[in-house]
């Protein structure tokens, strides 16, 4: 099965930027939809962005549109989340997830807990 390891989190001032990375290893073929989710303390986990690894099609939550960009480097089996114009409300644990599914339909599947998940990387915006 696939393993996911996130990195790139940290503390940043409002208006700053961070780039998160998610490195996939193991049996990486069952990851045709990759996603970034986040969970703030006391709040439900929410999807931020998804990318179909085959087509490169991307999908964003309204809160991420215009500020976040999901991308991939298939040669490195790595997915990135570039986050710009960060706000304090972006403070959360950010998780990478992978699912063998049509990415256009995958949000609810991810939200139900399906897929493979990383351990998360903390982002703090002050």
C-alpha atoms as a PDB file:
ATOM      1  CA  UNK A   1       0.000   0.000   0.000  1.00  0.00           C
ATOM      2  CA  UNK A   2       1.010   3.625  -0.353  1.00  0.00           C
ATOM      3  CA  UNK A   3       2.556   5.642   2.450  1.00  0.00           C
ATOM      4  CA  UNK A   4       2.330   9.426   2.606  1.00  0.00           C
ATOM      5  CA  UNK A   5       4.668  11.788   4.407  1.00  0.00           C
ATOM      6  CA  UNK A   6       3.911  15.503   4.645  1.00  0.00           C
ATOM      7  CA  UNK A   7       6.468  18.236   5.227  1.00  0.00           C
ATOM      8  CA  UNK A   8       6.828  21.976   4.883  1.00  0.00           C
ATOM      9  CA  UNK A   9       4.597  23.197   7.649  1.00  0.00           C
ATOM     10  CA  UNK A  10       5.645  25.882  10.078  1.00  0.00           C
ATOM     11  CA  UNK A  11       4.836  29.257  11.523  1.00  0.00           C
ATOM     12  CA  UNK A  12       4.366  32.267   9.294  1.00  0.00           C
ATOM     13  CA  UNK A  13       2.972  35.753   9.591  1.00  0.00           C
ATOM     14  CA  UNK A  14      -0.291  36.689   7.958  1.00  0.00           C
ATOM     15  CA  UNK A  15       0.223  37.438   4.293  1.00  0.00           C
ATOM     16  CA  UNK A  16       3.118  35.026   4.044  1.00  0.00           C
ATOM     17  CA  UNK A  17       3.516  31.818   2.066  1.00  0.00           C
ATOM     18  CA  UNK A  18       4.316  28.180   2.665  1.00  0.00           C
ATOM     19  CA  UNK A  19       4.719  25.204   0.386  1.00  0.00           C
ATOM     20  CA  UNK A  20       3.678  21.845   1.719  1.00  0.00           C
ATOM     21  CA  UNK A  21       4.985  18.616   0.240  1.00  0.00           C
ATOM     22  CA  UNK A  22       3.512  15.129   0.295  1.00  0.00           C
ATOM     23  CA  UNK A  23       5.857  12.328  -0.681  1.00  0.00           C
ATOM     24  CA  UNK A  24       4.271   9.018  -1.618  1.00  0.00           C
ATOM     25  CA  UNK A  25       6.109   5.735  -1.348  1.00  0.00           C
ATOM     26  CA  UNK A  26       5.285   2.087  -1.541  1.00  0.00           C
ATOM     27  CA  UNK A  27       2.620   0.916  -3.989  1.00  0.00           C
ATOM     28  CA  UNK A  28       1.888   4.299  -5.499  1.00  0.00           C
ATOM     29  CA  UNK A  29      -0.361   3.232  -8.334  1.00  0.00           C
ATOM     30  CA  UNK A  30      -3.540   3.418  -6.258  1.00  0.00           C
ATOM     31  CA  UNK A  31      -3.323   7.146  -5.816  1.00  0.00           C
ATOM     32  CA  UNK A  32      -4.978   8.597  -8.884  1.00  0.00           C
ATOM     33  CA  UNK A  33      -6.584  11.263  -6.714  1.00  0.00           C
ATOM     34  CA  UNK A  34      -4.456  13.155  -4.227  1.00  0.00           C
ATOM     35  CA  UNK A  35      -5.825  15.696  -1.801  1.00  0.00           C
ATOM     36  CA  UNK A  36      -4.910  18.168   0.892  1.00  0.00           C
ATOM     37  CA  UNK A  37      -7.217  18.449   3.872  1.00  0.00           C
ATOM     38  CA  UNK A  38      -6.902  20.544   6.976  1.00  0.00           C
ATOM     39  CA  UNK A  39      -8.290  20.446  10.474  1.00  0.00           C
ATOM     40  CA  UNK A  40      -8.248  23.320  12.894  1.00  0.00           C
ATOM     41  CA  UNK A  41      -8.706  22.741  16.636  1.00  0.00           C
ATOM     42  CA  UNK A  42     -12.342  22.185  17.453  1.00  0.00           C
ATOM     43  CA  UNK A  43     -13.374  22.070  13.816  1.00  0.00           C
ATOM     44  CA  UNK A  44     -14.149  19.343  11.350  1.00  0.00           C
ATOM     45  CA  UNK A  45     -11.605  18.311   8.794  1.00  0.00           C
ATOM     46  CA  UNK A  46     -12.162  20.096   5.496  1.00  0.00           C
ATOM     47  CA  UNK A  47     -10.826  19.562   2.030  1.00  0.00           C
ATOM     48  CA  UNK A  48      -8.631  22.278   0.587  1.00  0.00           C
ATOM     49  CA  UNK A  49      -7.602  20.934  -2.807  1.00  0.00           C
ATOM     50  CA  UNK A  50      -7.454  17.778  -4.937  1.00  0.00           C
ATOM     51  CA  UNK A  51      -5.515  16.806  -8.008  1.00  0.00           C
ATOM     52  CA  UNK A  52      -6.118  13.998 -10.465  1.00  0.00           C
ATOM     53  CA  UNK A  53      -2.663  12.576 -10.915  1.00  0.00           C
ATOM     54  CA  UNK A  54      -3.337  11.327 -14.412  1.00  0.00           C
ATOM     55  CA  UNK A  55      -4.958  14.357 -16.033  1.00  0.00           C
ATOM     56  CA  UNK A  56      -3.617  17.024 -13.708  1.00  0.00           C
ATOM     57  CA  UNK A  57      -7.128  18.399 -13.187  1.00  0.00           C
ATOM     58  CA  UNK A  58      -7.419  20.323  -9.958  1.00  0.00           C
ATOM     59  CA  UNK A  59     -10.272  21.071  -7.592  1.00  0.00           C
ATOM     60  CA  UNK A  60     -10.353  23.688  -4.842  1.00  0.00           C
ATOM     61  CA  UNK A  61     -12.474  24.581  -1.873  1.00  0.00           C
ATOM     62  CA  UNK A  62     -13.843  28.105  -1.994  1.00  0.00           C
ATOM     63  CA  UNK A  63     -11.558  29.051   0.897  1.00  0.00           C
ATOM     64  CA  UNK A  64      -8.527  27.997  -1.127  1.00  0.00           C
ATOM     65  CA  UNK A  65      -9.368  29.394  -4.539  1.00  0.00           C
ATOM     66  CA  UNK A  66      -7.006  32.119  -5.653  1.00  0.00           C
ATOM     67  CA  UNK A  67      -4.577  31.557  -2.779  1.00  0.00           C
ATOM     68  CA  UNK A  68      -3.655  27.872  -2.822  1.00  0.00           C
ATOM     69  CA  UNK A  69      -2.246  25.866  -5.716  1.00  0.00           C
ATOM     70  CA  UNK A  70      -1.985  22.095  -5.756  1.00  0.00           C
ATOM     71  CA  UNK A  71       0.582  20.575  -8.081  1.00  0.00           C
ATOM     72  CA  UNK A  72       2.507  17.380  -8.591  1.00  0.00           C
ATOM     73  CA  UNK A  73       5.839  16.002  -9.632  1.00  0.00           C
ATOM     74  CA  UNK A  74       5.084  12.484 -10.788  1.00  0.00           C
ATOM     75  CA  UNK A  75       8.760  11.653 -11.206  1.00  0.00           C
ATOM     76  CA  UNK A  76       9.164  12.266  -7.481  1.00  0.00           C
ATOM     77  CA  UNK A  77       5.757  10.857  -6.483  1.00  0.00           C
ATOM     78  CA  UNK A  78       5.202  14.138  -4.687  1.00  0.00           C
ATOM     79  CA  UNK A  79       2.243  16.474  -4.450  1.00  0.00           C
ATOM     80  CA  UNK A  80       2.595  20.064  -3.326  1.00  0.00           C
ATOM     81  CA  UNK A  81       0.326  22.692  -1.865  1.00  0.00           C
ATOM     82  CA  UNK A  82       1.549  26.231  -2.415  1.00  0.00           C
ATOM     83  CA  UNK A  83      -0.232  28.532  -0.001  1.00  0.00           C
ATOM     84  CA  UNK A  84      -0.039  32.283  -0.485  1.00  0.00           C
ATOM     85  CA  UNK A  85      -1.627  35.231   1.300  1.00  0.00           C
ATOM     86  CA  UNK A  86      -2.022  33.120   4.398  1.00  0.00           C
ATOM     87  CA  UNK A  87      -4.529  34.176   7.036  1.00  0.00           C
ATOM     88  CA  UNK A  88      -4.794  33.288  10.718  1.00  0.00           C
ATOM     89  CA  UNK A  89      -7.849  31.201   9.875  1.00  0.00           C
ATOM     90  CA  UNK A  90      -5.606  28.967   7.748  1.00  0.00           C
ATOM     91  CA  UNK A  91      -4.012  27.740  10.956  1.00  0.00           C
ATOM     92  CA  UNK A  92      -4.566  23.991  11.056  1.00  0.00           C
ATOM     93  CA  UNK A  93      -3.007  20.576  10.765  1.00  0.00           C
ATOM     94  CA  UNK A  94      -2.706  19.830   7.070  1.00  0.00           C
ATOM     95  CA  UNK A  95      -3.066  16.271   5.850  1.00  0.00           C
ATOM     96  CA  UNK A  96      -2.263  14.661   2.544  1.00  0.00           C
ATOM     97  CA  UNK A  97      -4.502  11.866   1.316  1.00  0.00           C
ATOM     98  CA  UNK A  98      -4.621   9.458  -1.594  1.00  0.00           C
ATOM     99  CA  UNK A  99      -7.511   7.563  -3.096  1.00  0.00           C
ATOM    100  CA  UNK A 100      -8.029   5.290  -6.068  1.00  0.00           C
ATOM    101  CA  UNK A 101     -11.021   7.145  -7.391  1.00  0.00           C
ATOM    102  CA  UNK A 102     -12.290   9.635  -9.909  1.00  0.00           C
ATOM    103  CA  UNK A 103     -11.026  12.820  -8.352  1.00  0.00           C
ATOM    104  CA  UNK A 104     -14.084  14.745  -9.460  1.00  0.00           C
ATOM    105  CA  UNK A 105     -16.183  12.489  -7.193  1.00  0.00           C
ATOM    106  CA  UNK A 106     -13.657  11.835  -4.446  1.00  0.00           C
ATOM    107  CA  UNK A 107     -14.393  14.592  -1.947  1.00  0.00           C
ATOM    108  CA  UNK A 108     -17.182  12.731  -0.150  1.00  0.00           C
ATOM    109  CA  UNK A 109     -15.137   9.547  -0.145  1.00  0.00           C
ATOM    110  CA  UNK A 110     -12.239  11.348   1.481  1.00  0.00           C
ATOM    111  CA  UNK A 111     -14.597  13.038   3.928  1.00  0.00           C
ATOM    112  CA  UNK A 112     -15.921   9.644   4.996  1.00  0.00           C
ATOM    113  CA  UNK A 113     -12.367   8.660   5.919  1.00  0.00           C
ATOM    114  CA  UNK A 114     -11.565   6.478   2.955  1.00  0.00           C
ATOM    115  CA  UNK A 115      -8.137   6.528   1.372  1.00  0.00           C
ATOM    116  CA  UNK A 116      -4.637   6.612   2.717  1.00  0.00           C
ATOM    117  CA  UNK A 117      -3.688   9.511   4.964  1.00  0.00           C
ATOM    118  CA  UNK A 118      -0.437  11.004   6.133  1.00  0.00           C
ATOM    119  CA  UNK A 119       0.368  12.057   9.676  1.00  0.00           C
ATOM    120  CA  UNK A 120      -0.060  15.753   8.966  1.00  0.00           C
ATOM    121  CA  UNK A 121       2.040  18.880   9.149  1.00  0.00           C
ATOM    122  CA  UNK A 122       1.150  21.871  11.303  1.00  0.00           C
ATOM    123  CA  UNK A 123       0.636  25.313   9.785  1.00  0.00           C
ATOM    124  CA  UNK A 124       0.364  28.275  12.123  1.00  0.00           C
ATOM    125  CA  UNK A 125      -0.415  31.756  10.832  1.00  0.00           C
ATOM    126  CA  UNK A 126      -0.218  34.686  13.224  1.00  0.00           C
END
